[in-house]
Amino acid sequence: MADESRAAREIDFTTFCISLGSSAFVHLGEVPHPESQELAPNLVLAKQTIDILGMLREKTRGNLTPEEDKLLEHLLLDLRLRFVEKSKAATGGGSGTPG
């Protein structure tokens, strides 16, 4: 029954963005996969998910509430910085810090 009530909840834009962001964090290897509890980085999937969030931001520009816009801006900034760090570490380039 708990699953039914969760499924019945309406998904709003914020929940959708947080869901995509959570997926990106899993793909970055920042948080464990919810089923296996293992860290399994996949930078290709992380980049795709981050790009989807970026596309959503561009396509919804001017139609978001200030709170939605701020959430998406901060989420994208955080994910993009972490992606750069992980990419540099994966290729052995740099000190692991962006810039």
N, C-alpha and C. Protein backbone atom coordinates (compact mmCIF):
# COMPACT_ATOMS: atom_id res chain seq x y z
N MET A 1 0.80 -1.20 0.00
CA MET A 1 0.00 0.00 0.00
C MET A 1 0.85 1.27 0.00
N ALA A 2 1.98 1.22 0.67
CA ALA A 2 2.86 2.38 0.70
C ALA A 2 3.36 2.70 -0.71
N ASP A 3 3.63 1.64 -1.51
CA ASP A 3 4.07 1.86 -2.87
C ASP A 3 2.99 2.55 -3.71
N GLU A 4 1.73 2.17 -3.48
CA GLU A 4 0.62 2.77 -4.21
C GLU A 4 0.49 4.25 -3.89
N SER A 5 0.66 4.60 -2.63
CA SER A 5 0.52 6.01 -2.26
C SER A 5 1.66 6.83 -2.83
N ARG A 6 2.86 6.25 -2.88
CA ARG A 6 3.99 6.96 -3.49
C ARG A 6 3.75 7.15 -4.98
N ALA A 7 3.25 6.11 -5.65
CA ALA A 7 3.01 6.19 -7.08
C ALA A 7 1.90 7.18 -7.39
N ALA A 8 0.96 7.35 -6.47
CA ALA A 8 -0.18 8.24 -6.70
C ALA A 8 0.19 9.71 -6.52
N ARG A 9 1.32 10.00 -5.88
CA ARG A 9 1.72 11.39 -5.68
C ARG A 9 2.00 12.05 -7.02
N GLU A 10 1.61 13.30 -7.10
CA GLU A 10 1.86 14.05 -8.31
C GLU A 10 3.32 14.48 -8.35
N ILE A 11 3.93 14.34 -9.51
CA ILE A 11 5.32 14.77 -9.68
C ILE A 11 5.30 16.19 -10.21
N ASP A 12 6.02 17.06 -9.53
CA ASP A 12 6.13 18.43 -10.01
C ASP A 12 7.53 18.65 -10.61
N PHE A 13 7.77 19.84 -11.10
CA PHE A 13 9.03 20.13 -11.77
C PHE A 13 10.22 19.95 -10.83
N THR A 14 10.08 20.41 -9.60
CA THR A 14 11.16 20.29 -8.62
C THR A 14 11.50 18.83 -8.35
N THR A 15 10.48 18.01 -8.14
CA THR A 15 10.70 16.59 -7.88
C THR A 15 11.37 15.93 -9.08
N PHE A 16 10.95 16.29 -10.27
CA PHE A 16 11.54 15.74 -11.49
C PHE A 16 13.02 16.10 -11.59
N CYS A 17 13.36 17.35 -11.33
CA CYS A 17 14.76 17.78 -11.39
C CYS A 17 15.60 17.09 -10.32
N ILE A 18 15.06 16.97 -9.13
CA ILE A 18 15.79 16.29 -8.06
C ILE A 18 16.01 14.82 -8.42
N SER A 19 15.03 14.20 -9.04
CA SER A 19 15.17 12.82 -9.46
C SER A 19 16.29 12.67 -10.49
N LEU A 20 16.30 13.55 -11.48
CA LEU A 20 17.38 13.51 -12.47
C LEU A 20 18.74 13.80 -11.82
N GLY A 21 18.75 14.76 -10.91
CA GLY A 21 19.99 15.08 -10.21
C GLY A 21 20.50 13.90 -9.40
N SER A 22 19.60 13.20 -8.73
CA SER A 22 19.99 12.01 -7.96
C SER A 22 20.60 10.96 -8.86
N SER A 23 20.00 10.77 -10.03
CA SER A 23 20.56 9.82 -11.00
C SER A 23 21.96 10.24 -11.42
N ALA A 24 22.15 11.52 -11.64
CA ALA A 24 23.47 12.01 -12.04
C ALA A 24 24.50 11.77 -10.93
N PHE A 25 24.12 11.98 -9.67
CA PHE A 25 25.04 11.73 -8.56
C PHE A 25 25.41 10.25 -8.49
N VAL A 26 24.46 9.36 -8.76
CA VAL A 26 24.76 7.93 -8.80
C VAL A 26 25.74 7.65 -9.93
N HIS A 27 25.48 8.21 -11.12
CA HIS A 27 26.35 7.97 -12.27
C HIS A 27 27.74 8.57 -12.08
N LEU A 28 27.83 9.62 -11.28
CA LEU A 28 29.14 10.20 -10.97
C LEU A 28 29.90 9.37 -9.93
N GLY A 29 29.21 8.44 -9.30
CA GLY A 29 29.84 7.65 -8.25
C GLY A 29 29.90 8.39 -6.93
N GLU A 30 29.08 9.42 -6.79
CA GLU A 30 29.06 10.22 -5.56
C GLU A 30 28.21 9.57 -4.47
N VAL A 31 27.19 8.85 -4.88
CA VAL A 31 26.32 8.14 -3.94
C VAL A 31 26.14 6.72 -4.45
N PRO A 32 25.91 5.77 -3.55
CA PRO A 32 25.74 4.38 -3.98
C PRO A 32 24.46 4.18 -4.79
N HIS A 33 24.52 3.21 -5.68
CA HIS A 33 23.34 2.82 -6.44
C HIS A 33 22.28 2.35 -5.46
N PRO A 34 21.02 2.78 -5.61
CA PRO A 34 20.00 2.45 -4.61
C PRO A 34 19.72 0.95 -4.46
N GLU A 35 19.94 0.16 -5.50
CA GLU A 35 19.67 -1.27 -5.39
C GLU A 35 20.89 -2.07 -4.94
N SER A 36 22.05 -1.78 -5.54
CA SER A 36 23.25 -2.57 -5.23
C SER A 36 24.04 -2.01 -4.05
N GLN A 37 23.80 -0.74 -3.72
CA GLN A 37 24.55 -0.03 -2.67
C GLN A 37 26.03 0.08 -3.00
N GLU A 38 26.39 -0.05 -4.27
CA GLU A 38 27.77 0.07 -4.71
C GLU A 38 27.96 1.39 -5.45
N LEU A 39 29.19 1.91 -5.35
CA LEU A 39 29.53 3.08 -6.14
C LEU A 39 29.93 2.59 -7.52
N ALA A 40 29.24 3.03 -8.53
CA ALA A 40 29.50 2.56 -9.89
C ALA A 40 29.51 3.74 -10.85
N PRO A 41 30.62 4.50 -10.90
CA PRO A 41 30.67 5.67 -11.78
C PRO A 41 30.50 5.29 -13.25
N ASN A 42 29.74 6.10 -13.96
CA ASN A 42 29.57 5.96 -15.40
C ASN A 42 29.48 7.39 -15.93
N LEU A 43 30.62 7.93 -16.35
CA LEU A 43 30.67 9.34 -16.73
C LEU A 43 29.86 9.65 -17.99
N VAL A 44 29.69 8.67 -18.86
CA VAL A 44 28.88 8.89 -20.06
C VAL A 44 27.42 9.14 -19.65
N LEU A 45 26.89 8.27 -18.78
CA LEU A 45 25.51 8.47 -18.31
C LEU A 45 25.39 9.72 -17.46
N ALA A 46 26.40 10.03 -16.68
CA ALA A 46 26.37 11.25 -15.87
C ALA A 46 26.28 12.47 -16.78
N LYS A 47 27.10 12.51 -17.84
CA LYS A 47 27.08 13.65 -18.76
C LYS A 47 25.73 13.76 -19.46
N GLN A 48 25.17 12.63 -19.88
CA GLN A 48 23.86 12.67 -20.53
C GLN A 48 22.80 13.24 -19.61
N THR A 49 22.81 12.83 -18.36
CA THR A 49 21.81 13.30 -17.40
C THR A 49 22.00 14.79 -17.11
N ILE A 50 23.24 15.21 -16.96
CA ILE A 50 23.53 16.63 -16.73
C ILE A 50 23.10 17.45 -17.95
N ASP A 51 23.35 16.93 -19.14
CA ASP A 51 22.94 17.63 -20.36
C ASP A 51 21.42 17.74 -20.46
N ILE A 52 20.70 16.71 -20.01
CA ILE A 52 19.24 16.76 -20.00
C ILE A 52 18.76 17.88 -19.07
N LEU A 53 19.37 17.96 -17.89
CA LEU A 53 19.01 19.04 -16.96
C LEU A 53 19.32 20.41 -17.56
N GLY A 54 20.44 20.53 -18.26
CA GLY A 54 20.78 21.78 -18.92
C GLY A 54 19.79 22.14 -20.01
N MET A 55 19.35 21.13 -20.77
CA MET A 55 18.36 21.36 -21.81
C MET A 55 17.04 21.82 -21.18
N LEU A 56 16.65 21.17 -20.09
CA LEU A 56 15.42 21.58 -19.39
C LEU A 56 15.51 23.03 -18.95
N ARG A 57 16.67 23.42 -18.45
CA ARG A 57 16.83 24.80 -17.99
C ARG A 57 16.66 25.78 -19.15
N GLU A 58 17.26 25.45 -20.29
CA GLU A 58 17.14 26.34 -21.44
C GLU A 58 15.71 26.40 -21.97
N LYS A 59 15.06 25.25 -22.06
CA LYS A 59 13.72 25.19 -22.64
C LYS A 59 12.64 25.76 -21.72
N THR A 60 12.93 25.85 -20.42
CA THR A 60 11.94 26.37 -19.48
C THR A 60 12.27 27.78 -19.01
N ARG A 61 13.34 28.34 -19.56
CA ARG A 61 13.76 29.69 -19.14
C ARG A 61 12.59 30.68 -19.27
N GLY A 62 12.35 31.42 -18.19
CA GLY A 62 11.28 32.40 -18.17
C GLY A 62 9.93 31.82 -17.74
N ASN A 63 9.87 30.51 -17.58
CA ASN A 63 8.61 29.87 -17.19
C ASN A 63 8.68 29.21 -15.81
N LEU A 64 9.80 29.35 -15.14
CA LEU A 64 9.97 28.73 -13.83
C LEU A 64 9.72 29.74 -12.72
N THR A 65 9.34 29.22 -11.56
CA THR A 65 9.27 30.09 -10.39
C THR A 65 10.70 30.42 -9.99
N PRO A 66 10.90 31.49 -9.23
CA PRO A 66 12.26 31.81 -8.78
C PRO A 66 12.90 30.64 -8.02
N GLU A 67 12.12 29.91 -7.24
CA GLU A 67 12.66 28.78 -6.48
C GLU A 67 13.09 27.64 -7.41
N GLU A 68 12.28 27.36 -8.42
CA GLU A 68 12.63 26.30 -9.39
C GLU A 68 13.88 26.69 -10.16
N ASP A 69 13.96 27.95 -10.57
CA ASP A 69 15.12 28.42 -11.33
C ASP A 69 16.39 28.31 -10.49
N LYS A 70 16.30 28.72 -9.24
CA LYS A 70 17.46 28.67 -8.35
C LYS A 70 17.89 27.22 -8.10
N LEU A 71 16.92 26.34 -7.86
CA LEU A 71 17.23 24.92 -7.66
C LEU A 71 17.98 24.36 -8.86
N LEU A 72 17.45 24.60 -10.05
CA LEU A 72 18.07 24.07 -11.26
C LEU A 72 19.45 24.66 -11.48
N GLU A 73 19.60 25.95 -11.24
CA GLU A 73 20.90 26.61 -11.39
C GLU A 73 21.94 25.99 -10.46
N HIS A 74 21.59 25.83 -9.20
CA HIS A 74 22.53 25.30 -8.21
C HIS A 74 22.83 23.83 -8.46
N LEU A 75 21.80 23.07 -8.82
CA LEU A 75 21.99 21.65 -9.11
C LEU A 75 22.94 21.48 -10.29
N LEU A 76 22.72 22.23 -11.34
CA LEU A 76 23.59 22.14 -12.52
C LEU A 76 25.02 22.56 -12.21
N LEU A 77 25.18 23.62 -11.45
CA LEU A 77 26.53 24.07 -11.09
C LEU A 77 27.26 22.98 -10.31
N ASP A 78 26.61 22.42 -9.32
CA ASP A 78 27.21 21.37 -8.50
C ASP A 78 27.56 20.15 -9.35
N LEU A 79 26.61 19.70 -10.16
CA LEU A 79 26.86 18.51 -10.98
C LEU A 79 27.96 18.74 -12.00
N ARG A 80 27.97 19.90 -12.63
CA ARG A 80 29.00 20.18 -13.64
C ARG A 80 30.39 20.24 -13.02
N LEU A 81 30.51 20.85 -11.85
CA LEU A 81 31.81 20.90 -11.18
C LEU A 81 32.29 19.49 -10.80
N ARG A 82 31.39 18.70 -10.27
CA ARG A 82 31.75 17.33 -9.90
C ARG A 82 32.11 16.50 -11.13
N PHE A 83 31.40 16.73 -12.24
CA PHE A 83 31.71 16.01 -13.47
C PHE A 83 33.12 16.35 -13.95
N VAL A 84 33.46 17.62 -13.92
CA VAL A 84 34.81 18.04 -14.34
C VAL A 84 35.86 17.38 -13.45
N GLU A 85 35.64 17.39 -12.14
CA GLU A 85 36.59 16.75 -11.21
C GLU A 85 36.74 15.27 -11.51
N LYS A 86 35.63 14.57 -11.70
CA LYS A 86 35.67 13.13 -11.97
C LYS A 86 36.33 12.85 -13.32
N SER A 87 36.06 13.68 -14.31
CA SER A 87 36.65 13.49 -15.63
C SER A 87 38.15 13.67 -15.58
N LYS A 88 38.61 14.69 -14.87
CA LYS A 88 40.05 14.92 -14.73
C LYS A 88 40.70 13.76 -14.00
N ALA A 89 40.07 13.28 -12.94
CA ALA A 89 40.62 12.16 -12.18
C ALA A 89 40.66 10.90 -13.03
N ALA A 90 39.64 10.68 -13.86
CA ALA A 90 39.58 9.48 -14.69
C ALA A 90 40.65 9.48 -15.77
N THR A 91 41.04 10.67 -16.23
CA THR A 91 42.06 10.74 -17.27
C THR A 91 43.45 11.00 -16.70
N GLY A 92 43.51 11.15 -15.38
CA GLY A 92 44.80 11.38 -14.73
C GLY A 92 45.30 12.79 -14.89
N GLY A 93 44.44 13.70 -15.35
CA GLY A 93 44.85 15.08 -15.57
C GLY A 93 44.57 15.96 -14.38
N GLY A 94 45.44 16.90 -14.16
CA GLY A 94 45.21 17.91 -13.13
C GLY A 94 45.26 17.36 -11.72
N SER A 95 44.95 18.24 -10.79
CA SER A 95 45.01 17.90 -9.36
C SER A 95 43.65 17.43 -8.84
N GLY A 96 42.66 17.36 -9.74
CA GLY A 96 41.34 16.96 -9.30
C GLY A 96 40.45 18.12 -8.93
N THR A 97 41.00 19.34 -9.00
CA THR A 97 40.19 20.52 -8.72
C THR A 97 40.01 21.31 -9.99
N PRO A 98 38.80 21.81 -10.24
CA PRO A 98 38.57 22.57 -11.48
C PRO A 98 39.26 23.92 -11.43
N GLY A 99 39.57 24.40 -12.62
CA GLY A 99 40.08 25.75 -12.71
C GLY A 99 41.43 25.79 -13.11
